[in-house]
Amino acid sequence: MLADARAPWFVGWGTLALINAGLAQGKNRNGLLWFLLSLLLGPIATLVLVLLPKVRSRLF
């Protein structure tokens, strides 16, 4: 019973982490790192990621 009540919470948290990974990659940042940070920090990581500027890619 208790596991059933927590299931939507975990699905939502995991979905947010995937969205943050995609957002990070769109800003030329490490998607895996932001995915893991999002699993720990959730919406706080989203806020930080949205406020960070896009990283310029260097051409060598």
PDB file of N, CA and C in Angstrom:
ATOM      1  N   MET A   1       0.822  -1.192   0.000  1.00  0.00           N
ATOM      2  CA  MET A   1       0.000   0.000   0.000  1.00  0.00           C
ATOM      3  C   MET A   1       0.866   1.256   0.000  1.00  0.00           C
ATOM      4  N   LEU A   2       1.873   1.289   0.850  1.00  0.00           N
ATOM      5  CA  LEU A   2       2.731   2.466   0.943  1.00  0.00           C
ATOM      6  C   LEU A   2       3.542   2.660  -0.337  1.00  0.00           C
ATOM      7  N   ALA A   3       3.986   1.557  -0.952  1.00  0.00           N
ATOM      8  CA  ALA A   3       4.745   1.652  -2.203  1.00  0.00           C
ATOM      9  C   ALA A   3       3.883   2.239  -3.317  1.00  0.00           C
ATOM     10  N   ASP A   4       2.607   1.921  -3.325  1.00  0.00           N
ATOM     11  CA  ASP A   4       1.702   2.454  -4.338  1.00  0.00           C
ATOM     12  C   ASP A   4       1.540   3.961  -4.196  1.00  0.00           C
ATOM     13  N   ALA A   5       1.552   4.462  -2.992  1.00  0.00           N
ATOM     14  CA  ALA A   5       1.394   5.897  -2.754  1.00  0.00           C
ATOM     15  C   ALA A   5       2.640   6.662  -3.178  1.00  0.00           C
ATOM     16  N   ARG A   6       3.791   6.054  -3.102  1.00  0.00           N
ATOM     17  CA  ARG A   6       5.047   6.726  -3.452  1.00  0.00           C
ATOM     18  C   ARG A   6       5.385   6.633  -4.933  1.00  0.00           C
ATOM     19  N   ALA A   7       4.758   5.729  -5.665  1.00  0.00           N
ATOM     20  CA  ALA A   7       5.097   5.505  -7.067  1.00  0.00           C
ATOM     21  C   ALA A   7       4.978   6.763  -7.917  1.00  0.00           C
ATOM     22  N   PRO A   8       3.891   7.537  -7.852  1.00  0.00           N
ATOM     23  CA  PRO A   8       3.816   8.762  -8.674  1.00  0.00           C
ATOM     24  C   PRO A   8       4.917   9.760  -8.321  1.00  0.00           C
ATOM     25  N   TRP A   9       5.290   9.815  -7.056  1.00  0.00           N
ATOM     26  CA  TRP A   9       6.339  10.730  -6.617  1.00  0.00           C
ATOM     27  C   TRP A   9       7.661  10.374  -7.294  1.00  0.00           C
ATOM     28  N   PHE A  10       8.032   9.119  -7.307  1.00  0.00           N
ATOM     29  CA  PHE A  10       9.280   8.680  -7.925  1.00  0.00           C
ATOM     30  C   PHE A  10       9.258   8.859  -9.438  1.00  0.00           C
ATOM     31  N   VAL A  11       8.119   8.596 -10.044  1.00  0.00           N
ATOM     32  CA  VAL A  11       8.002   8.762 -11.499  1.00  0.00           C
ATOM     33  C   VAL A  11       8.164  10.233 -11.860  1.00  0.00           C
ATOM     34  N   GLY A  12       7.540  11.114 -11.115  1.00  0.00           N
ATOM     35  CA  GLY A  12       7.655  12.550 -11.370  1.00  0.00           C
ATOM     36  C   GLY A  12       9.065  13.066 -11.163  1.00  0.00           C
ATOM     37  N   TRP A  13       9.717  12.598 -10.112  1.00  0.00           N
ATOM     38  CA  TRP A  13      11.087  13.023  -9.805  1.00  0.00           C
ATOM     39  C   TRP A  13      12.038  12.542 -10.901  1.00  0.00           C
ATOM     40  N   GLY A  14      11.860  11.321 -11.354  1.00  0.00           N
ATOM     41  CA  GLY A  14      12.697  10.774 -12.428  1.00  0.00           C
ATOM     42  C   GLY A  14      12.462  11.484 -13.743  1.00  0.00           C
ATOM     43  N   THR A  15      11.211  11.824 -14.027  1.00  0.00           N
ATOM     44  CA  THR A  15      10.891  12.560 -15.245  1.00  0.00           C
ATOM     45  C   THR A  15      11.530  13.937 -15.224  1.00  0.00           C
ATOM     46  N   LEU A  16      11.478  14.595 -14.088  1.00  0.00           N
ATOM     47  CA  LEU A  16      12.114  15.905 -13.947  1.00  0.00           C
ATOM     48  C   LEU A  16      13.622  15.798 -14.172  1.00  0.00           C
ATOM     49  N   ALA A  17      14.244  14.746 -13.683  1.00  0.00           N
ATOM     50  CA  ALA A  17      15.676  14.545 -13.884  1.00  0.00           C
ATOM     51  C   ALA A  17      16.002  14.362 -15.362  1.00  0.00           C
ATOM     52  N   LEU A  18      15.165  13.639 -16.089  1.00  0.00           N
ATOM     53  CA  LEU A  18      15.375  13.469 -17.530  1.00  0.00           C
ATOM     54  C   LEU A  18      15.194  14.784 -18.280  1.00  0.00           C
ATOM     55  N   ILE A  19      14.204  15.554 -17.902  1.00  0.00           N
ATOM     56  CA  ILE A  19      13.980  16.861 -18.528  1.00  0.00           C
ATOM     57  C   ILE A  19      15.172  17.777 -18.269  1.00  0.00           C
ATOM     58  N   ASN A  20      15.674  17.754 -17.043  1.00  0.00           N
ATOM     59  CA  ASN A  20      16.834  18.583 -16.711  1.00  0.00           C
ATOM     60  C   ASN A  20      18.073  18.168 -17.500  1.00  0.00           C
ATOM     61  N   ALA A  21      18.241  16.875 -17.725  1.00  0.00           N
ATOM     62  CA  ALA A  21      19.382  16.403 -18.520  1.00  0.00           C
ATOM     63  C   ALA A  21      19.292  16.949 -19.941  1.00  0.00           C
ATOM     64  N   GLY A  22      18.112  16.917 -20.524  1.00  0.00           N
ATOM     65  CA  GLY A  22      17.920  17.467 -21.863  1.00  0.00           C
ATOM     66  C   GLY A  22      18.131  18.974 -21.898  1.00  0.00           C
ATOM     67  N   LEU A  23      17.635  19.663 -20.889  1.00  0.00           N
ATOM     68  CA  LEU A  23      17.833  21.110 -20.792  1.00  0.00           C
ATOM     69  C   LEU A  23      19.316  21.446 -20.659  1.00  0.00           C
ATOM     70  N   ALA A  24      20.039  20.669 -19.868  1.00  0.00           N
ATOM     71  CA  ALA A  24      21.472  20.889 -19.694  1.00  0.00           C
ATOM     72  C   ALA A  24      22.217  20.696 -21.002  1.00  0.00           C
ATOM     73  N   GLN A  25      21.883  19.664 -21.741  1.00  0.00           N
ATOM     74  CA  GLN A  25      22.544  19.425 -23.016  1.00  0.00           C
ATOM     75  C   GLN A  25      22.240  20.542 -24.002  1.00  0.00           C
ATOM     76  N   GLY A  26      21.045  21.094 -23.937  1.00  0.00           N
ATOM     77  CA  GLY A  26      20.693  22.221 -24.786  1.00  0.00           C
ATOM     78  C   GLY A  26      21.494  23.469 -24.467  1.00  0.00           C
ATOM     79  N   LYS A  27      22.008  23.537 -23.234  1.00  0.00           N
ATOM     80  CA  LYS A  27      22.845  24.663 -22.818  1.00  0.00           C
ATOM     81  C   LYS A  27      24.332  24.301 -22.867  1.00  0.00           C
ATOM     82  N   ASN A  28      24.665  23.242 -23.600  1.00  0.00           N
ATOM     83  CA  ASN A  28      26.039  22.755 -23.755  1.00  0.00           C
ATOM     84  C   ASN A  28      26.678  22.398 -22.415  1.00  0.00           C
ATOM     85  N   ARG A  29      25.902  21.795 -21.547  1.00  0.00           N
ATOM     86  CA  ARG A  29      26.403  21.338 -20.251  1.00  0.00           C
ATOM     87  C   ARG A  29      26.292  19.818 -20.192  1.00  0.00           C
ATOM     88  N   ASN A  30      26.915  19.213 -19.205  1.00  0.00           N
ATOM     89  CA  ASN A  30      26.961  17.765 -19.065  1.00  0.00           C
ATOM     90  C   ASN A  30      25.598  17.229 -18.615  1.00  0.00           C
ATOM     91  N   GLY A  31      24.901  16.538 -19.516  1.00  0.00           N
ATOM     92  CA  GLY A  31      23.570  16.026 -19.214  1.00  0.00           C
ATOM     93  C   GLY A  31      23.558  14.981 -18.114  1.00  0.00           C
ATOM     94  N   LEU A  32      24.546  14.095 -18.101  1.00  0.00           N
ATOM     95  CA  LEU A  32      24.605  13.058 -17.070  1.00  0.00           C
ATOM     96  C   LEU A  32      24.808  13.666 -15.690  1.00  0.00           C
ATOM     97  N   LEU A  33      25.688  14.638 -15.589  1.00  0.00           N
ATOM     98  CA  LEU A  33      25.926  15.306 -14.304  1.00  0.00           C
ATOM     99  C   LEU A  33      24.646  15.962 -13.799  1.00  0.00           C
ATOM    100  N   TRP A  34      23.955  16.655 -14.680  1.00  0.00           N
ATOM    101  CA  TRP A  34      22.722  17.339 -14.273  1.00  0.00           C
ATOM    102  C   TRP A  34      21.597  16.347 -13.987  1.00  0.00           C
ATOM    103  N   PHE A  35      21.594  15.205 -14.655  1.00  0.00           N
ATOM    104  CA  PHE A  35      20.621  14.165 -14.333  1.00  0.00           C
ATOM    105  C   PHE A  35      20.824  13.692 -12.898  1.00  0.00           C
ATOM    106  N   LEU A  36      22.072  13.414 -12.543  1.00  0.00           N
ATOM    107  CA  LEU A  36      22.376  12.940 -11.194  1.00  0.00           C
ATOM    108  C   LEU A  36      22.097  14.017 -10.142  1.00  0.00           C
ATOM    109  N   LEU A  37      22.453  15.260 -10.454  1.00  0.00           N
ATOM    110  CA  LEU A  37      22.145  16.351  -9.528  1.00  0.00           C
ATOM    111  C   LEU A  37      20.641  16.503  -9.337  1.00  0.00           C
ATOM    112  N   SER A  38      19.915  16.324 -10.400  1.00  0.00           N
ATOM    113  CA  SER A  38      18.461  16.451 -10.327  1.00  0.00           C
ATOM    114  C   SER A  38      17.833  15.348  -9.495  1.00  0.00           C
ATOM    115  N   LEU A  39      18.420  14.157  -9.524  1.00  0.00           N
ATOM    116  CA  LEU A  39      17.914  13.082  -8.675  1.00  0.00           C
ATOM    117  C   LEU A  39      18.077  13.437  -7.205  1.00  0.00           C
ATOM    118  N   LEU A  40      19.126  14.185  -6.885  1.00  0.00           N
ATOM    119  CA  LEU A  40      19.362  14.579  -5.501  1.00  0.00           C
ATOM    120  C   LEU A  40      18.597  15.841  -5.107  1.00  0.00           C
ATOM    121  N   LEU A  41      18.591  16.832  -5.990  1.00  0.00           N
ATOM    122  CA  LEU A  41      18.061  18.143  -5.634  1.00  0.00           C
ATOM    123  C   LEU A  41      16.685  18.460  -6.219  1.00  0.00           C
ATOM    124  N   GLY A  42      16.278  17.736  -7.237  1.00  0.00           N
ATOM    125  CA  GLY A  42      14.962  17.917  -7.830  1.00  0.00           C
ATOM    126  C   GLY A  42      14.734  19.308  -8.400  1.00  0.00           C
ATOM    127  N   PRO A  43      13.660  19.970  -7.981  1.00  0.00           N
ATOM    128  CA  PRO A  43      13.301  21.279  -8.533  1.00  0.00           C
ATOM    129  C   PRO A  43      14.350  22.366  -8.300  1.00  0.00           C
ATOM    130  N   ILE A  44      15.157  22.224  -7.274  1.00  0.00           N
ATOM    131  CA  ILE A  44      16.217  23.209  -7.030  1.00  0.00           C
ATOM    132  C   ILE A  44      17.235  23.156  -8.164  1.00  0.00           C
ATOM    133  N   ALA A  45      17.559  21.954  -8.629  1.00  0.00           N
ATOM    134  CA  ALA A  45      18.479  21.812  -9.763  1.00  0.00           C
ATOM    135  C   ALA A  45      17.866  22.420 -11.017  1.00  0.00           C
ATOM    136  N   THR A  46      16.565  22.292 -11.183  1.00  0.00           N
ATOM    137  CA  THR A  46      15.896  22.890 -12.337  1.00  0.00           C
ATOM    138  C   THR A  46      16.028  24.402 -12.308  1.00  0.00           C
ATOM    139  N   LEU A  47      15.788  24.987 -11.165  1.00  0.00           N
ATOM    140  CA  LEU A  47      15.900  26.437 -11.020  1.00  0.00           C
ATOM    141  C   LEU A  47      17.312  26.913 -11.328  1.00  0.00           C
ATOM    142  N   VAL A  48      18.309  26.240 -10.777  1.00  0.00           N
ATOM    143  CA  VAL A  48      19.703  26.615 -11.031  1.00  0.00           C
ATOM    144  C   VAL A  48      20.032  26.490 -12.507  1.00  0.00           C
ATOM    145  N   LEU A  49      19.600  25.424 -13.118  1.00  0.00           N
ATOM    146  CA  LEU A  49      19.888  25.173 -14.532  1.00  0.00           C
ATOM    147  C   LEU A  49      19.230  26.215 -15.430  1.00  0.00           C
ATOM    148  N   VAL A  50      18.025  26.596 -15.107  1.00  0.00           N
ATOM    149  CA  VAL A  50      17.328  27.606 -15.904  1.00  0.00           C
ATOM    150  C   VAL A  50      18.026  28.963 -15.787  1.00  0.00           C
ATOM    151  N   LEU A  51      18.565  29.276 -14.622  1.00  0.00           N
ATOM    152  CA  LEU A  51      19.207  30.574 -14.406  1.00  0.00           C
ATOM    153  C   LEU A  51      20.624  30.647 -14.975  1.00  0.00           C
ATOM    154  N   LEU A  52      21.266  29.488 -15.174  1.00  0.00           N
ATOM    155  CA  LEU A  52      22.621  29.490 -15.718  1.00  0.00           C
ATOM    156  C   LEU A  52      22.623  29.843 -17.206  1.00  0.00           C
ATOM    157  N   PRO A  53      23.607  30.620 -17.646  1.00  0.00           N
ATOM    158  CA  PRO A  53      23.675  30.946 -19.072  1.00  0.00           C
ATOM    159  C   PRO A  53      24.169  29.759 -19.897  1.00  0.00           C
ATOM    160  N   LYS A  54      23.927  29.827 -21.189  1.00  0.00           N
ATOM    161  CA  LYS A  54      24.398  28.788 -22.098  1.00  0.00           C
ATOM    162  C   LYS A  54      25.918  28.875 -22.215  1.00  0.00           C
ATOM    163  N   VAL A  55      26.582  27.734 -22.213  1.00  0.00           N
ATOM    164  CA  VAL A  55      28.033  27.678 -22.331  1.00  0.00           C
ATOM    165  C   VAL A  55      28.399  27.742 -23.808  1.00  0.00           C
ATOM    166  N   ARG A  56      29.308  28.619 -24.133  1.00  0.00           N
ATOM    167  CA  ARG A  56      29.784  28.692 -25.516  1.00  0.00           C
ATOM    168  C   ARG A  56      30.686  27.515 -25.809  1.00  0.00           C
ATOM    169  N   SER A  57      30.495  26.920 -26.959  1.00  0.00           N
ATOM    170  CA  SER A  57      31.379  25.808 -27.338  1.00  0.00           C
ATOM    171  C   SER A  57      32.608  26.395 -28.033  1.00  0.00           C
ATOM    172  N   ARG A  58      33.755  25.839 -27.697  1.00  0.00           N
ATOM    173  CA  ARG A  58      35.017  26.309 -28.296  1.00  0.00           C
ATOM    174  C   ARG A  58      35.331  25.492 -29.524  1.00  0.00           C
ATOM    175  N   LEU A  59      35.767  26.164 -30.566  1.00  0.00           N
ATOM    176  CA  LEU A  59      36.199  25.470 -31.777  1.00  0.00           C
ATOM    177  C   LEU A  59      37.720  25.519 -31.867  1.00  0.00           C
ATOM    178  N   PHE A  60      38.326  24.357 -31.983  1.00  0.00           N
ATOM    179  CA  PHE A  60      39.782  24.301 -32.057  1.00  0.00           C
ATOM    180  C   PHE A  60      40.220  23.979 -33.457  1.00  0.00           C
TER     181      PHE A  60
END
